[in-house]
Amino acid sequence: MDATLPSDKVRDLRRFLECLWVGPLAPRVDISDLGQMDPALLPAFEPAFLDRRHLRFSYRDAKGFETERHVEPQATLILPPLWYLVAWDRTREGLRHFRMDRISAPECLEGTSFSRRHVQFTDDVRPIRYA
């Protein structure tokens, strides 16, 4: 990785990978409603994770109820085929897992910042390792 990218991009990629976790999907999880991810997620996630900026987005829960969320992104959790944003929900004052295919209209909020919080995962969830 180091030889093919400029040093600033390698640094950013490593910082982004530090927030990426992978584990197994529980056998009883229903994925019949799996949708497409909003293409605006990656452009919003990059500054949110790298610069620790707040995110605002619309979220549709499993019952189809839609809410507006204002969060501090802490991690990306991949439980194939599902991807989750793990974030501190400022309104609900707690960590929440948001299925990425249920997030729409993400917006990285300029002029905001936050401190990273400790996120505890189960033993079968591991961080992404890189060389």
N, C-alpha and C. Protein backbone atom coordinates (compact mmCIF):
# COMPACT_ATOMS: atom_id res chain seq x y z
N MET A 1 0.83 -1.19 0.00
CA MET A 1 0.00 0.00 0.00
C MET A 1 0.87 1.25 0.00
N ASP A 2 1.94 1.27 0.78
CA ASP A 2 2.77 2.46 0.91
C ASP A 2 3.43 2.91 -0.38
N ALA A 3 3.78 1.97 -1.25
CA ALA A 3 4.53 2.31 -2.46
C ALA A 3 3.66 2.88 -3.57
N THR A 4 2.35 2.69 -3.51
CA THR A 4 1.50 3.10 -4.64
C THR A 4 0.71 4.37 -4.39
N LEU A 5 0.66 4.83 -3.16
CA LEU A 5 -0.12 6.02 -2.83
C LEU A 5 0.78 7.11 -2.25
N PRO A 6 0.40 8.37 -2.47
CA PRO A 6 1.14 9.45 -1.80
C PRO A 6 1.01 9.31 -0.28
N SER A 7 2.02 9.79 0.44
CA SER A 7 2.07 9.57 1.89
C SER A 7 0.84 10.12 2.63
N ASP A 8 0.29 11.27 2.19
CA ASP A 8 -0.89 11.81 2.87
C ASP A 8 -2.11 10.91 2.68
N LYS A 9 -2.22 10.28 1.51
CA LYS A 9 -3.33 9.35 1.25
C LYS A 9 -3.16 8.06 2.04
N VAL A 10 -1.93 7.60 2.19
CA VAL A 10 -1.67 6.40 3.01
C VAL A 10 -2.07 6.68 4.46
N ARG A 11 -1.70 7.85 4.95
CA ARG A 11 -2.06 8.24 6.32
C ARG A 11 -3.58 8.26 6.49
N ASP A 12 -4.29 8.88 5.55
CA ASP A 12 -5.75 8.94 5.61
C ASP A 12 -6.38 7.56 5.54
N LEU A 13 -5.86 6.72 4.65
CA LEU A 13 -6.39 5.36 4.51
C LEU A 13 -6.19 4.57 5.80
N ARG A 14 -5.05 4.68 6.41
CA ARG A 14 -4.80 3.97 7.68
C ARG A 14 -5.72 4.47 8.78
N ARG A 15 -5.93 5.76 8.85
CA ARG A 15 -6.85 6.32 9.85
C ARG A 15 -8.27 5.83 9.62
N PHE A 16 -8.67 5.74 8.36
CA PHE A 16 -10.01 5.25 8.03
C PHE A 16 -10.14 3.76 8.38
N LEU A 17 -9.10 2.98 8.07
CA LEU A 17 -9.13 1.55 8.37
C LEU A 17 -9.18 1.26 9.87
N GLU A 18 -8.65 2.16 10.68
CA GLU A 18 -8.70 1.98 12.13
C GLU A 18 -10.14 1.97 12.66
N CYS A 19 -11.06 2.49 11.88
CA CYS A 19 -12.47 2.56 12.28
C CYS A 19 -13.29 1.41 11.69
N LEU A 20 -12.65 0.48 10.99
CA LEU A 20 -13.36 -0.58 10.26
C LEU A 20 -13.25 -1.90 11.00
N TRP A 21 -14.39 -2.53 11.30
CA TRP A 21 -14.48 -3.78 12.04
C TRP A 21 -15.31 -4.79 11.25
N VAL A 22 -14.96 -6.08 11.37
CA VAL A 22 -15.64 -7.13 10.62
C VAL A 22 -15.97 -8.29 11.56
N GLY A 23 -17.14 -8.87 11.36
CA GLY A 23 -17.56 -10.03 12.14
C GLY A 23 -18.58 -10.85 11.38
N PRO A 24 -19.04 -11.93 11.97
CA PRO A 24 -20.03 -12.78 11.31
C PRO A 24 -21.45 -12.26 11.55
N LEU A 25 -22.30 -12.45 10.58
CA LEU A 25 -23.71 -12.11 10.72
C LEU A 25 -24.41 -13.22 11.49
N ALA A 26 -25.21 -12.85 12.46
CA ALA A 26 -25.95 -13.85 13.23
C ALA A 26 -26.89 -14.63 12.29
N PRO A 27 -27.04 -15.92 12.49
CA PRO A 27 -27.81 -16.76 11.56
C PRO A 27 -29.27 -16.35 11.39
N ARG A 28 -29.87 -15.74 12.40
CA ARG A 28 -31.30 -15.43 12.32
C ARG A 28 -31.60 -14.02 11.81
N VAL A 29 -30.60 -13.29 11.38
CA VAL A 29 -30.83 -11.93 10.91
C VAL A 29 -31.51 -11.97 9.54
N ASP A 30 -32.62 -11.26 9.44
CA ASP A 30 -33.38 -11.21 8.19
C ASP A 30 -32.74 -10.18 7.26
N ILE A 31 -32.30 -10.65 6.10
CA ILE A 31 -31.71 -9.73 5.11
C ILE A 31 -32.58 -9.63 3.86
N SER A 32 -33.85 -10.05 3.98
CA SER A 32 -34.73 -10.04 2.82
C SER A 32 -35.01 -8.63 2.31
N ASP A 33 -34.85 -7.62 3.18
CA ASP A 33 -35.11 -6.24 2.77
C ASP A 33 -33.83 -5.46 2.47
N LEU A 34 -32.72 -6.16 2.24
CA LEU A 34 -31.44 -5.51 1.96
C LEU A 34 -31.56 -4.61 0.74
N GLY A 35 -31.19 -3.35 0.91
CA GLY A 35 -31.29 -2.39 -0.20
C GLY A 35 -29.92 -1.90 -0.63
N GLN A 36 -29.95 -0.94 -1.54
CA GLN A 36 -28.72 -0.33 -2.04
C GLN A 36 -28.30 0.81 -1.11
N MET A 37 -26.99 1.00 -0.99
CA MET A 37 -26.48 2.12 -0.21
C MET A 37 -26.53 3.40 -1.04
N ASP A 38 -26.84 4.50 -0.37
CA ASP A 38 -26.87 5.81 -0.99
C ASP A 38 -25.45 6.14 -1.47
N PRO A 39 -25.27 6.50 -2.75
CA PRO A 39 -23.92 6.81 -3.25
C PRO A 39 -23.28 8.02 -2.55
N ALA A 40 -24.05 8.80 -1.84
CA ALA A 40 -23.51 9.96 -1.13
C ALA A 40 -22.84 9.57 0.20
N LEU A 41 -22.95 8.29 0.60
CA LEU A 41 -22.36 7.88 1.88
C LEU A 41 -20.85 8.06 1.92
N LEU A 42 -20.14 7.52 0.95
CA LEU A 42 -18.68 7.59 0.99
C LEU A 42 -18.16 9.02 1.01
N PRO A 43 -18.66 9.91 0.13
CA PRO A 43 -18.17 11.29 0.20
C PRO A 43 -18.47 11.97 1.55
N ALA A 44 -19.55 11.59 2.22
CA ALA A 44 -19.86 12.17 3.53
C ALA A 44 -19.03 11.50 4.64
N PHE A 45 -18.79 10.19 4.51
CA PHE A 45 -18.05 9.45 5.53
C PHE A 45 -16.59 9.88 5.62
N GLU A 46 -15.97 10.13 4.48
CA GLU A 46 -14.54 10.43 4.48
C GLU A 46 -14.19 11.59 5.42
N PRO A 47 -14.79 12.78 5.26
CA PRO A 47 -14.44 13.86 6.19
C PRO A 47 -14.99 13.62 7.60
N ALA A 48 -16.13 12.92 7.70
CA ALA A 48 -16.70 12.66 9.02
C ALA A 48 -15.77 11.81 9.86
N PHE A 49 -15.21 10.76 9.27
CA PHE A 49 -14.31 9.89 10.02
C PHE A 49 -12.91 10.50 10.16
N LEU A 50 -12.37 11.04 9.07
CA LEU A 50 -11.00 11.54 9.12
C LEU A 50 -10.87 12.83 9.92
N ASP A 51 -11.86 13.70 9.82
CA ASP A 51 -11.80 14.99 10.51
C ASP A 51 -12.68 15.04 11.75
N ARG A 52 -13.32 13.91 12.08
CA ARG A 52 -14.21 13.80 13.25
C ARG A 52 -15.28 14.88 13.23
N ARG A 53 -16.05 14.87 12.15
CA ARG A 53 -17.16 15.81 12.00
C ARG A 53 -18.48 15.07 12.19
N HIS A 54 -19.48 15.78 12.64
CA HIS A 54 -20.81 15.20 12.82
C HIS A 54 -21.44 14.88 11.46
N LEU A 55 -22.33 13.90 11.48
CA LEU A 55 -23.13 13.55 10.30
C LEU A 55 -24.60 13.78 10.62
N ARG A 56 -25.33 14.20 9.61
CA ARG A 56 -26.79 14.29 9.69
C ARG A 56 -27.34 13.49 8.52
N PHE A 57 -28.39 12.71 8.77
CA PHE A 57 -28.98 11.91 7.71
C PHE A 57 -30.39 11.49 8.08
N SER A 58 -31.11 10.98 7.09
CA SER A 58 -32.42 10.37 7.31
C SER A 58 -32.19 8.89 7.49
N TYR A 59 -32.93 8.29 8.42
CA TYR A 59 -32.78 6.86 8.68
C TYR A 59 -34.15 6.20 8.71
N ARG A 60 -34.26 5.10 7.97
CA ARG A 60 -35.49 4.31 7.92
C ARG A 60 -35.25 3.03 8.71
N ASP A 61 -36.02 2.81 9.76
CA ASP A 61 -35.82 1.62 10.59
C ASP A 61 -36.47 0.39 9.96
N ALA A 62 -36.39 -0.75 10.64
CA ALA A 62 -36.89 -2.02 10.10
C ALA A 62 -38.39 -1.99 9.83
N LYS A 63 -39.12 -1.12 10.53
CA LYS A 63 -40.57 -1.02 10.34
C LYS A 63 -40.94 0.03 9.30
N GLY A 64 -39.93 0.68 8.72
CA GLY A 64 -40.17 1.68 7.69
C GLY A 64 -40.36 3.09 8.22
N PHE A 65 -40.24 3.29 9.54
CA PHE A 65 -40.39 4.62 10.13
C PHE A 65 -39.12 5.42 9.88
N GLU A 66 -39.28 6.65 9.39
CA GLU A 66 -38.11 7.47 9.06
C GLU A 66 -37.91 8.59 10.08
N THR A 67 -36.64 8.76 10.49
CA THR A 67 -36.26 9.81 11.44
C THR A 67 -35.03 10.54 10.91
N GLU A 68 -34.84 11.75 11.40
CA GLU A 68 -33.63 12.51 11.11
C GLU A 68 -32.65 12.26 12.24
N ARG A 69 -31.41 11.98 11.92
CA ARG A 69 -30.39 11.67 12.93
C ARG A 69 -29.23 12.63 12.83
N HIS A 70 -28.65 12.94 13.99
CA HIS A 70 -27.45 13.79 14.10
C HIS A 70 -26.49 12.98 14.96
N VAL A 71 -25.38 12.53 14.36
CA VAL A 71 -24.52 11.56 15.04
C VAL A 71 -23.04 11.94 14.95
N GLU A 72 -22.27 11.27 15.83
CA GLU A 72 -20.81 11.33 15.81
C GLU A 72 -20.33 9.94 15.39
N PRO A 73 -19.84 9.79 14.15
CA PRO A 73 -19.44 8.45 13.67
C PRO A 73 -18.23 7.90 14.42
N GLN A 74 -18.34 6.66 14.88
CA GLN A 74 -17.28 6.03 15.65
C GLN A 74 -16.62 4.86 14.92
N ALA A 75 -17.40 4.09 14.16
CA ALA A 75 -16.85 2.90 13.50
C ALA A 75 -17.77 2.49 12.36
N THR A 76 -17.20 1.70 11.47
CA THR A 76 -17.97 1.00 10.44
C THR A 76 -17.87 -0.48 10.78
N LEU A 77 -19.02 -1.13 10.88
CA LEU A 77 -19.08 -2.54 11.22
C LEU A 77 -19.62 -3.31 10.02
N ILE A 78 -18.86 -4.30 9.57
CA ILE A 78 -19.28 -5.12 8.43
C ILE A 78 -19.61 -6.52 8.95
N LEU A 79 -20.86 -6.89 8.79
CA LEU A 79 -21.33 -8.24 9.08
C LEU A 79 -21.92 -8.74 7.77
N PRO A 80 -21.07 -9.25 6.86
CA PRO A 80 -21.51 -9.52 5.50
C PRO A 80 -22.84 -10.30 5.45
N PRO A 81 -23.75 -9.81 4.60
CA PRO A 81 -23.65 -8.72 3.62
C PRO A 81 -24.06 -7.35 4.16
N LEU A 82 -24.27 -7.21 5.46
CA LEU A 82 -24.73 -5.94 6.02
C LEU A 82 -23.56 -5.07 6.47
N TRP A 83 -23.71 -3.78 6.24
CA TRP A 83 -22.75 -2.78 6.69
C TRP A 83 -23.48 -1.84 7.63
N TYR A 84 -22.83 -1.49 8.75
CA TYR A 84 -23.43 -0.61 9.75
C TYR A 84 -22.52 0.58 10.05
N LEU A 85 -23.14 1.71 10.28
CA LEU A 85 -22.46 2.86 10.86
C LEU A 85 -22.70 2.77 12.37
N VAL A 86 -21.64 2.72 13.15
CA VAL A 86 -21.74 2.73 14.61
C VAL A 86 -21.44 4.17 15.02
N ALA A 87 -22.41 4.81 15.68
CA ALA A 87 -22.26 6.24 15.96
C ALA A 87 -22.93 6.60 17.28
N TRP A 88 -22.41 7.66 17.88
CA TRP A 88 -23.04 8.25 19.05
C TRP A 88 -24.18 9.12 18.55
N ASP A 89 -25.40 8.77 18.93
CA ASP A 89 -26.58 9.52 18.53
C ASP A 89 -26.75 10.66 19.54
N ARG A 90 -26.58 11.87 19.07
CA ARG A 90 -26.60 13.03 19.96
C ARG A 90 -27.98 13.27 20.56
N THR A 91 -29.03 12.94 19.84
CA THR A 91 -30.39 13.14 20.35
C THR A 91 -30.74 12.09 21.41
N ARG A 92 -30.38 10.85 21.14
CA ARG A 92 -30.72 9.74 22.04
C ARG A 92 -29.64 9.50 23.11
N GLU A 93 -28.53 10.23 22.99
CA GLU A 93 -27.42 10.16 23.94
C GLU A 93 -26.95 8.72 24.19
N GLY A 94 -26.66 8.03 23.09
CA GLY A 94 -26.14 6.68 23.20
C GLY A 94 -25.60 6.18 21.88
N LEU A 95 -24.81 5.09 21.95
CA LEU A 95 -24.30 4.47 20.74
C LEU A 95 -25.43 3.75 20.03
N ARG A 96 -25.46 3.86 18.72
CA ARG A 96 -26.47 3.20 17.91
C ARG A 96 -25.78 2.58 16.69
N HIS A 97 -26.40 1.52 16.16
CA HIS A 97 -25.95 0.87 14.93
C HIS A 97 -26.98 1.19 13.85
N PHE A 98 -26.51 1.79 12.76
CA PHE A 98 -27.39 2.17 11.66
C PHE A 98 -27.04 1.36 10.42
N ARG A 99 -27.98 0.57 9.93
CA ARG A 99 -27.71 -0.16 8.69
C ARG A 99 -27.52 0.84 7.57
N MET A 100 -26.42 0.71 6.85
CA MET A 100 -26.08 1.71 5.84
C MET A 100 -27.05 1.74 4.67
N ASP A 101 -27.70 0.62 4.37
CA ASP A 101 -28.66 0.64 3.27
C ASP A 101 -29.96 1.34 3.66
N ARG A 102 -30.10 1.74 4.92
CA ARG A 102 -31.29 2.47 5.38
C ARG A 102 -31.00 3.95 5.63
N ILE A 103 -29.77 4.38 5.35
CA ILE A 103 -29.37 5.78 5.50
C ILE A 103 -29.57 6.48 4.16
N SER A 104 -30.15 7.69 4.21
CA SER A 104 -30.27 8.48 2.98
C SER A 104 -29.94 9.94 3.30
N ALA A 105 -29.58 10.66 2.27
CA ALA A 105 -29.24 12.09 2.35
C ALA A 105 -28.22 12.40 3.45
N PRO A 106 -27.08 11.69 3.48
CA PRO A 106 -26.07 11.98 4.50
C PRO A 106 -25.39 13.32 4.22
N GLU A 107 -25.10 14.03 5.30
CA GLU A 107 -24.44 15.33 5.17
C GLU A 107 -23.41 15.45 6.29
N CYS A 108 -22.18 15.72 5.91
CA CYS A 108 -21.12 15.98 6.87
C CYS A 108 -21.23 17.44 7.28
N LEU A 109 -21.27 17.69 8.58
CA LEU A 109 -21.52 19.05 9.08
C LEU A 109 -20.22 19.79 9.34
N GLU A 110 -19.99 20.84 8.57
CA GLU A 110 -18.81 21.69 8.73
C GLU A 110 -18.85 22.38 10.08
N GLY A 111 -17.68 22.65 10.64
CA GLY A 111 -17.60 23.39 11.88
C GLY A 111 -17.96 22.59 13.12
N THR A 112 -18.06 21.27 12.98
CA THR A 112 -18.37 20.43 14.14
C THR A 112 -17.17 19.53 14.42
N SER A 113 -17.08 19.03 15.63
CA SER A 113 -16.03 18.09 15.97
C SER A 113 -16.48 17.28 17.19
N PHE A 114 -15.77 16.19 17.45
CA PHE A 114 -16.09 15.35 18.59
C PHE A 114 -14.86 14.53 18.95
N SER A 115 -14.88 13.97 20.14
CA SER A 115 -13.82 13.06 20.59
C SER A 115 -14.28 11.63 20.35
N ARG A 116 -13.35 10.80 19.97
CA ARG A 116 -13.65 9.38 19.74
C ARG A 116 -14.07 8.74 21.06
N ARG A 117 -15.08 7.88 21.00
CA ARG A 117 -15.58 7.15 22.17
C ARG A 117 -15.17 5.69 22.06
N HIS A 118 -15.09 5.03 23.18
CA HIS A 118 -14.77 3.60 23.15
C HIS A 118 -16.02 2.82 22.72
N VAL A 119 -15.85 1.99 21.71
CA VAL A 119 -16.93 1.13 21.23
C VAL A 119 -16.54 -0.31 21.54
N GLN A 120 -17.38 -0.99 22.28
CA GLN A 120 -17.12 -2.39 22.64
C GLN A 120 -17.87 -3.31 21.69
N PHE A 121 -17.14 -4.20 21.04
CA PHE A 121 -17.75 -5.20 20.16
C PHE A 121 -17.63 -6.57 20.81
N THR A 122 -18.40 -7.53 20.33
CA THR A 122 -18.30 -8.90 20.82
C THR A 122 -16.97 -9.50 20.39
N ASP A 123 -16.58 -10.61 21.02
CA ASP A 123 -15.27 -11.22 20.77
C ASP A 123 -15.08 -11.70 19.33
N ASP A 124 -16.18 -11.97 18.61
CA ASP A 124 -16.04 -12.46 17.24
C ASP A 124 -15.96 -11.34 16.21
N VAL A 125 -15.95 -10.10 16.65
CA VAL A 125 -15.78 -8.95 15.77
C VAL A 125 -14.36 -8.44 15.92
N ARG A 126 -13.69 -8.27 14.80
CA ARG A 126 -12.26 -7.92 14.81
C ARG A 126 -12.00 -6.68 13.94
N PRO A 127 -10.98 -5.91 14.31
CA PRO A 127 -10.60 -4.77 13.46
C PRO A 127 -9.95 -5.26 12.17
N ILE A 128 -10.06 -4.46 11.15
CA ILE A 128 -9.36 -4.74 9.90
C ILE A 128 -7.88 -4.53 10.15
N ARG A 129 -7.07 -5.44 9.68
CA ARG A 129 -5.61 -5.32 9.81
C ARG A 129 -5.02 -5.01 8.44
N TYR A 130 -3.99 -4.21 8.44
CA TYR A 130 -3.31 -3.85 7.19
C TYR A 130 -1.82 -3.97 7.41
N ALA A 131 -1.11 -4.05 6.30
CA ALA A 131 0.35 -4.20 6.38
C ALA A 131 1.02 -2.87 6.56
